[in-house]
Amino acid sequence: MTDMTTFDRIKELAEKRGKSLPAVSADLKFSDNLFYRWKTSNPKASDLAKVADYFHVSVDYLLGREEIKGEVLDDTEEKLVAAFRLESKDLDDDGKRRFNNSLQNLIKAARETIDDSKKRKG
């Protein structure tokens, strides 16, 4: 484990998402200075839980008791994951596998279209 504080972890998560701490505070309907107060005081469990849910990490991660497994997603990636979950939530495992394969093919085709467009402009 690192010696990062809860404040440091939240700040790092916010930066990875391209957000400022005041923006995260506003999103969570917290006061502007709440995270800064956590430098010298203990946060309420309910507030920590909201922050953990917001960043899709555990409270234990925020408290420095565990490390993140995997990568923190940025807003665009979060939206893609949310869209996948929404559109595939009622599918069985085989349906989700097929949906995922179709989505991967669509993503590949979109990337090729973007790359071709860049080549024509360049």
C-alpha atoms as a PDB file:
ATOM      1  CA  MET A   1       0.000   0.000   0.000  1.00  0.00           C
ATOM      2  CA  THR A   2       1.040   3.553  -0.527  1.00  0.00           C
ATOM      3  CA  ASP A   3       1.002   6.323   2.047  1.00  0.00           C
ATOM      4  CA  MET A   4      -1.704   8.209   0.188  1.00  0.00           C
ATOM      5  CA  THR A   5      -4.406   9.779   2.300  1.00  0.00           C
ATOM      6  CA  THR A   6      -8.106   9.544   1.545  1.00  0.00           C
ATOM      7  CA  PHE A   7      -7.883  13.087   0.191  1.00  0.00           C
ATOM      8  CA  ASP A   8      -4.961  12.115  -2.081  1.00  0.00           C
ATOM      9  CA  ARG A   9      -6.852   9.118  -3.438  1.00  0.00           C
ATOM     10  CA  ILE A  10      -9.960  11.166  -4.186  1.00  0.00           C
ATOM     11  CA  LYS A  11      -7.888  13.882  -5.838  1.00  0.00           C
ATOM     12  CA  GLU A  12      -6.117  11.306  -8.003  1.00  0.00           C
ATOM     13  CA  LEU A  13      -9.405   9.661  -9.011  1.00  0.00           C
ATOM     14  CA  ALA A  14     -10.859  13.057  -9.904  1.00  0.00           C
ATOM     15  CA  GLU A  15      -7.809  13.961 -12.001  1.00  0.00           C
ATOM     16  CA  LYS A  16      -8.030  10.652 -13.888  1.00  0.00           C
ATOM     17  CA  ARG A  17     -11.575  11.612 -14.806  1.00  0.00           C
ATOM     18  CA  GLY A  18     -10.556  15.120 -15.783  1.00  0.00           C
ATOM     19  CA  LYS A  19     -12.537  16.645 -12.931  1.00  0.00           C
ATOM     20  CA  SER A  20     -11.657  19.121 -10.238  1.00  0.00           C
ATOM     21  CA  LEU A  21     -12.447  18.436  -6.592  1.00  0.00           C
ATOM     22  CA  PRO A  22     -15.064  21.233  -6.551  1.00  0.00           C
ATOM     23  CA  ALA A  23     -16.726  19.622  -9.604  1.00  0.00           C
ATOM     24  CA  VAL A  24     -16.847  16.238  -7.854  1.00  0.00           C
ATOM     25  CA  SER A  25     -18.214  17.934  -4.728  1.00  0.00           C
ATOM     26  CA  ALA A  26     -20.919  19.592  -6.822  1.00  0.00           C
ATOM     27  CA  ASP A  27     -21.789  16.305  -8.561  1.00  0.00           C
ATOM     28  CA  LEU A  28     -22.217  14.663  -5.153  1.00  0.00           C
ATOM     29  CA  LYS A  29     -24.021  17.681  -3.666  1.00  0.00           C
ATOM     30  CA  PHE A  30     -21.276  18.155  -1.047  1.00  0.00           C
ATOM     31  CA  SER A  31     -19.951  21.492   0.168  1.00  0.00           C
ATOM     32  CA  ASP A  32     -17.059  22.867  -1.889  1.00  0.00           C
ATOM     33  CA  ASN A  33     -14.473  22.337   0.852  1.00  0.00           C
ATOM     34  CA  LEU A  34     -15.569  18.953   2.197  1.00  0.00           C
ATOM     35  CA  PHE A  35     -12.691  17.002   0.667  1.00  0.00           C
ATOM     36  CA  TYR A  36     -10.176  19.529   1.963  1.00  0.00           C
ATOM     37  CA  ARG A  37     -11.620  19.141   5.467  1.00  0.00           C
ATOM     38  CA  TRP A  38     -10.954  15.408   5.178  1.00  0.00           C
ATOM     39  CA  LYS A  39      -7.249  16.218   5.296  1.00  0.00           C
ATOM     40  CA  THR A  40      -7.614  16.863   9.032  1.00  0.00           C
ATOM     41  CA  SER A  41     -10.846  15.111  10.018  1.00  0.00           C
ATOM     42  CA  ASN A  42     -12.505  11.757   9.490  1.00  0.00           C
ATOM     43  CA  PRO A  43     -15.216  11.578   6.840  1.00  0.00           C
ATOM     44  CA  LYS A  44     -18.672  10.201   7.579  1.00  0.00           C
ATOM     45  CA  ALA A  45     -19.189   6.643   6.364  1.00  0.00           C
ATOM     46  CA  SER A  46     -22.196   7.688   4.269  1.00  0.00           C
ATOM     47  CA  ASP A  47     -20.140  10.373   2.496  1.00  0.00           C
ATOM     48  CA  LEU A  48     -17.300   7.922   1.841  1.00  0.00           C
ATOM     49  CA  ALA A  49     -19.796   5.459   0.376  1.00  0.00           C
ATOM     50  CA  LYS A  50     -21.126   8.126  -2.016  1.00  0.00           C
ATOM     51  CA  VAL A  51     -17.599   8.944  -3.184  1.00  0.00           C
ATOM     52  CA  ALA A  52     -16.765   5.248  -3.621  1.00  0.00           C
ATOM     53  CA  ASP A  53     -19.913   4.702  -5.694  1.00  0.00           C
ATOM     54  CA  TYR A  54     -19.184   7.813  -7.769  1.00  0.00           C
ATOM     55  CA  PHE A  55     -15.715   6.561  -8.705  1.00  0.00           C
ATOM     56  CA  HIS A  56     -16.675   2.854  -8.794  1.00  0.00           C
ATOM     57  CA  VAL A  57     -14.103   1.941  -6.155  1.00  0.00           C
ATOM     58  CA  SER A  58     -14.463   0.471  -2.683  1.00  0.00           C
ATOM     59  CA  VAL A  59     -14.538   2.411   0.560  1.00  0.00           C
ATOM     60  CA  ASP A  60     -11.545   0.288   1.561  1.00  0.00           C
ATOM     61  CA  TYR A  61      -9.647   1.701  -1.420  1.00  0.00           C
ATOM     62  CA  LEU A  62     -10.475   5.257  -0.363  1.00  0.00           C
ATOM     63  CA  LEU A  63      -9.268   4.472   3.158  1.00  0.00           C
ATOM     64  CA  GLY A  64      -6.030   2.949   1.876  1.00  0.00           C
ATOM     65  CA  ARG A  65      -6.885  -0.588   2.957  1.00  0.00           C
ATOM     66  CA  GLU A  66      -6.749  -2.027  -0.556  1.00  0.00           C
ATOM     67  CA  GLU A  67      -5.481  -1.116  -3.978  1.00  0.00           C
ATOM     68  CA  ILE A  68      -7.556  -0.836  -7.130  1.00  0.00           C
ATOM     69  CA  LYS A  69      -7.499  -3.878  -9.317  1.00  0.00           C
ATOM     70  CA  GLY A  70      -7.568  -2.687 -12.886  1.00  0.00           C
ATOM     71  CA  GLU A  71      -7.846   0.779 -14.297  1.00  0.00           C
ATOM     72  CA  VAL A  72     -10.088   3.680 -13.345  1.00  0.00           C
ATOM     73  CA  LEU A  73     -12.324   4.584 -16.276  1.00  0.00           C
ATOM     74  CA  ASP A  74     -12.750   8.112 -17.566  1.00  0.00           C
ATOM     75  CA  ASP A  75     -16.209   9.591 -18.187  1.00  0.00           C
ATOM     76  CA  THR A  76     -16.376   8.441 -21.821  1.00  0.00           C
ATOM     77  CA  GLU A  77     -15.439   4.889 -20.878  1.00  0.00           C
ATOM     78  CA  GLU A  78     -17.932   4.937 -17.997  1.00  0.00           C
ATOM     79  CA  LYS A  79     -20.680   5.914 -20.438  1.00  0.00           C
ATOM     80  CA  LEU A  80     -19.764   3.034 -22.756  1.00  0.00           C
ATOM     81  CA  VAL A  81     -19.839   0.529 -19.904  1.00  0.00           C
ATOM     82  CA  ALA A  82     -23.161   1.947 -18.697  1.00  0.00           C
ATOM     83  CA  ALA A  83     -24.610   1.689 -22.211  1.00  0.00           C
ATOM     84  CA  PHE A  84     -23.434  -1.913 -22.510  1.00  0.00           C
ATOM     85  CA  ARG A  85     -25.004  -2.803 -19.156  1.00  0.00           C
ATOM     86  CA  LEU A  86     -28.266  -1.060 -19.990  1.00  0.00           C
ATOM     87  CA  GLU A  87     -28.647  -2.676 -23.398  1.00  0.00           C
ATOM     88  CA  SER A  88     -27.571  -6.164 -22.298  1.00  0.00           C
ATOM     89  CA  LYS A  89     -29.122  -6.403 -18.832  1.00  0.00           C
ATOM     90  CA  ASP A  90     -31.952  -8.739 -19.851  1.00  0.00           C
ATOM     91  CA  LEU A  91     -29.773 -11.082 -21.956  1.00  0.00           C
ATOM     92  CA  ASP A  92     -28.561 -14.487 -20.826  1.00  0.00           C
ATOM     93  CA  ASP A  93     -24.827 -15.303 -20.888  1.00  0.00           C
ATOM     94  CA  ASP A  94     -24.885 -16.428 -24.513  1.00  0.00           C
ATOM     95  CA  GLY A  95     -26.812 -13.320 -25.532  1.00  0.00           C
ATOM     96  CA  LYS A  96     -24.315 -11.102 -23.701  1.00  0.00           C
ATOM     97  CA  ARG A  97     -21.431 -12.875 -25.424  1.00  0.00           C
ATOM     98  CA  ARG A  98     -23.041 -12.380 -28.840  1.00  0.00           C
ATOM     99  CA  PHE A  99     -23.933  -8.774 -27.994  1.00  0.00           C
ATOM    100  CA  ASN A 100     -20.331  -8.134 -26.935  1.00  0.00           C
ATOM    101  CA  ASN A 101     -18.966  -9.676 -30.161  1.00  0.00           C
ATOM    102  CA  SER A 102     -21.311  -7.520 -32.243  1.00  0.00           C
ATOM    103  CA  LEU A 103     -20.320  -4.446 -30.273  1.00  0.00           C
ATOM    104  CA  GLN A 104     -16.612  -5.169 -30.754  1.00  0.00           C
ATOM    105  CA  ASN A 105     -17.166  -5.466 -34.521  1.00  0.00           C
ATOM    106  CA  LEU A 106     -19.074  -2.179 -34.514  1.00  0.00           C
ATOM    107  CA  ILE A 107     -16.304  -0.457 -32.545  1.00  0.00           C
ATOM    108  CA  LYS A 108     -13.680  -1.803 -34.952  1.00  0.00           C
ATOM    109  CA  ALA A 109     -15.687  -0.539 -37.953  1.00  0.00           C
ATOM    110  CA  ALA A 110     -16.122   2.882 -36.304  1.00  0.00           C
ATOM    111  CA  ARG A 111     -12.384   3.106 -35.672  1.00  0.00           C
ATOM    112  CA  GLU A 112     -11.618   2.178 -39.294  1.00  0.00           C
ATOM    113  CA  THR A 113     -14.043   4.870 -40.487  1.00  0.00           C
ATOM    114  CA  ILE A 114     -12.338   7.485 -38.287  1.00  0.00           C
ATOM    115  CA  ASP A 115      -8.862   6.397 -39.417  1.00  0.00           C
ATOM    116  CA  ASP A 116      -9.922   6.489 -43.093  1.00  0.00           C
ATOM    117  CA  SER A 117     -11.379   9.944 -42.628  1.00  0.00           C
ATOM    118  CA  LYS A 118      -8.130  11.189 -41.076  1.00  0.00           C
ATOM    119  CA  LYS A 119      -6.110   9.745 -43.989  1.00  0.00           C
ATOM    120  CA  ARG A 120      -8.301  11.552 -46.530  1.00  0.00           C
ATOM    121  CA  LYS A 121      -7.926  14.853 -44.681  1.00  0.00           C
ATOM    122  CA  GLY A 122      -4.157  14.403 -44.227  1.00  0.00           C
END
